[in-house]
């Protein structure tokens, strides 16, 4: 399923991590192998570099060990996607 995330606050960052498998899930969780494809992220407070920084460095969950690259001021990639 293709999804877009509107805002990279606490919930937006958690949704993005969940979509890319960045959250630990128990083996018996039916959502463990979700098939979400994030196609758009909207953040009003800054561009792609700010959004990538918000995703990579989280005050609660710590640093996300997935490569996050800023393509240009309008896009970023998480884990090459």
Protein backbone atom coordinates (compact mmCIF):
# COMPACT_ATOMS: atom_id res chain seq x y z
CA UNK A 1 0.00 0.00 0.00
CA UNK A 2 1.35 3.43 -0.92
CA UNK A 3 1.19 6.02 1.85
CA UNK A 4 2.13 9.66 2.40
CA UNK A 5 3.13 11.13 5.75
CA UNK A 6 1.91 14.62 6.59
CA UNK A 7 4.33 16.09 9.14
CA UNK A 8 7.45 14.68 10.73
CA UNK A 9 6.52 15.19 14.36
CA UNK A 10 6.53 12.28 16.81
CA UNK A 11 3.83 10.34 14.94
CA UNK A 12 5.26 10.99 11.48
CA UNK A 13 8.72 9.76 12.49
CA UNK A 14 7.26 6.66 14.13
CA UNK A 15 5.18 5.92 11.03
CA UNK A 16 8.24 6.25 8.80
CA UNK A 17 10.34 3.98 11.04
CA UNK A 18 7.55 1.41 11.16
CA UNK A 19 7.19 1.44 7.37
CA UNK A 20 10.93 0.82 6.93
CA UNK A 21 11.18 -1.79 9.68
CA UNK A 22 13.01 0.52 12.08
CA UNK A 23 10.86 -0.46 15.06
CA UNK A 24 11.29 -3.71 16.96
CA UNK A 25 8.20 -5.91 16.73
CA UNK A 26 7.62 -9.23 18.48
CA UNK A 27 7.70 -12.33 16.27
CA UNK A 28 3.97 -12.97 16.75
CA UNK A 29 2.91 -9.42 15.75
CA UNK A 30 0.73 -9.62 12.60
CA UNK A 31 2.08 -6.21 11.46
CA UNK A 32 5.68 -7.43 11.55
CA UNK A 33 6.00 -7.81 7.75
CA UNK A 34 3.92 -4.83 6.65
CA UNK A 35 3.98 -3.79 3.03
CA UNK A 36 3.87 0.00 3.26
CA UNK A 37 5.57 2.07 0.58
CA UNK A 38 6.16 5.67 1.66
CA UNK A 39 5.87 7.77 -1.50
CA UNK A 40 5.69 11.28 -0.02
CA UNK A 41 6.67 13.06 3.20
CA UNK A 42 5.42 16.57 3.93
CA UNK A 43 7.14 18.76 6.54
CA UNK A 44 6.22 22.44 6.78
CA UNK A 45 9.09 23.48 9.10
CA UNK A 46 11.99 22.74 6.76
CA UNK A 47 13.30 21.12 3.63
CA UNK A 48 14.65 17.66 2.93
CA UNK A 49 17.83 18.14 4.99
CA UNK A 50 15.85 19.11 8.11
CA UNK A 51 13.42 16.23 7.63
CA UNK A 52 16.26 13.73 7.16
CA UNK A 53 17.88 15.00 10.35
CA UNK A 54 14.61 14.65 12.29
CA UNK A 55 14.28 11.07 11.06
CA UNK A 56 17.88 10.05 11.78
CA UNK A 57 18.23 11.57 15.27
CA UNK A 58 15.33 10.78 17.60
CA UNK A 59 15.34 11.96 21.23
CA UNK A 60 13.37 8.92 22.42
CA UNK A 61 14.54 6.05 20.17
CA UNK A 62 18.07 7.31 19.52
CA UNK A 63 19.91 7.35 16.24
CA UNK A 64 18.43 5.25 13.43
CA UNK A 65 21.09 2.95 12.00
CA UNK A 66 19.69 3.07 8.47
CA UNK A 67 21.51 5.18 5.86
CA UNK A 68 19.61 8.41 5.20
CA UNK A 69 20.75 10.50 2.25
CA UNK A 70 19.52 13.89 1.07
CA UNK A 71 19.08 13.81 -2.72
CA UNK A 72 18.47 17.53 -3.11
CA UNK A 73 16.50 20.14 -1.19
CA UNK A 74 13.26 18.44 -2.20
CA UNK A 75 13.97 14.78 -1.49
CA UNK A 76 15.71 12.25 0.71
CA UNK A 77 16.20 8.49 0.65
CA UNK A 78 16.02 6.03 3.54
CA UNK A 79 18.03 2.88 3.00
CA UNK A 80 18.39 3.66 -0.70
CA UNK A 81 14.61 3.91 -1.28
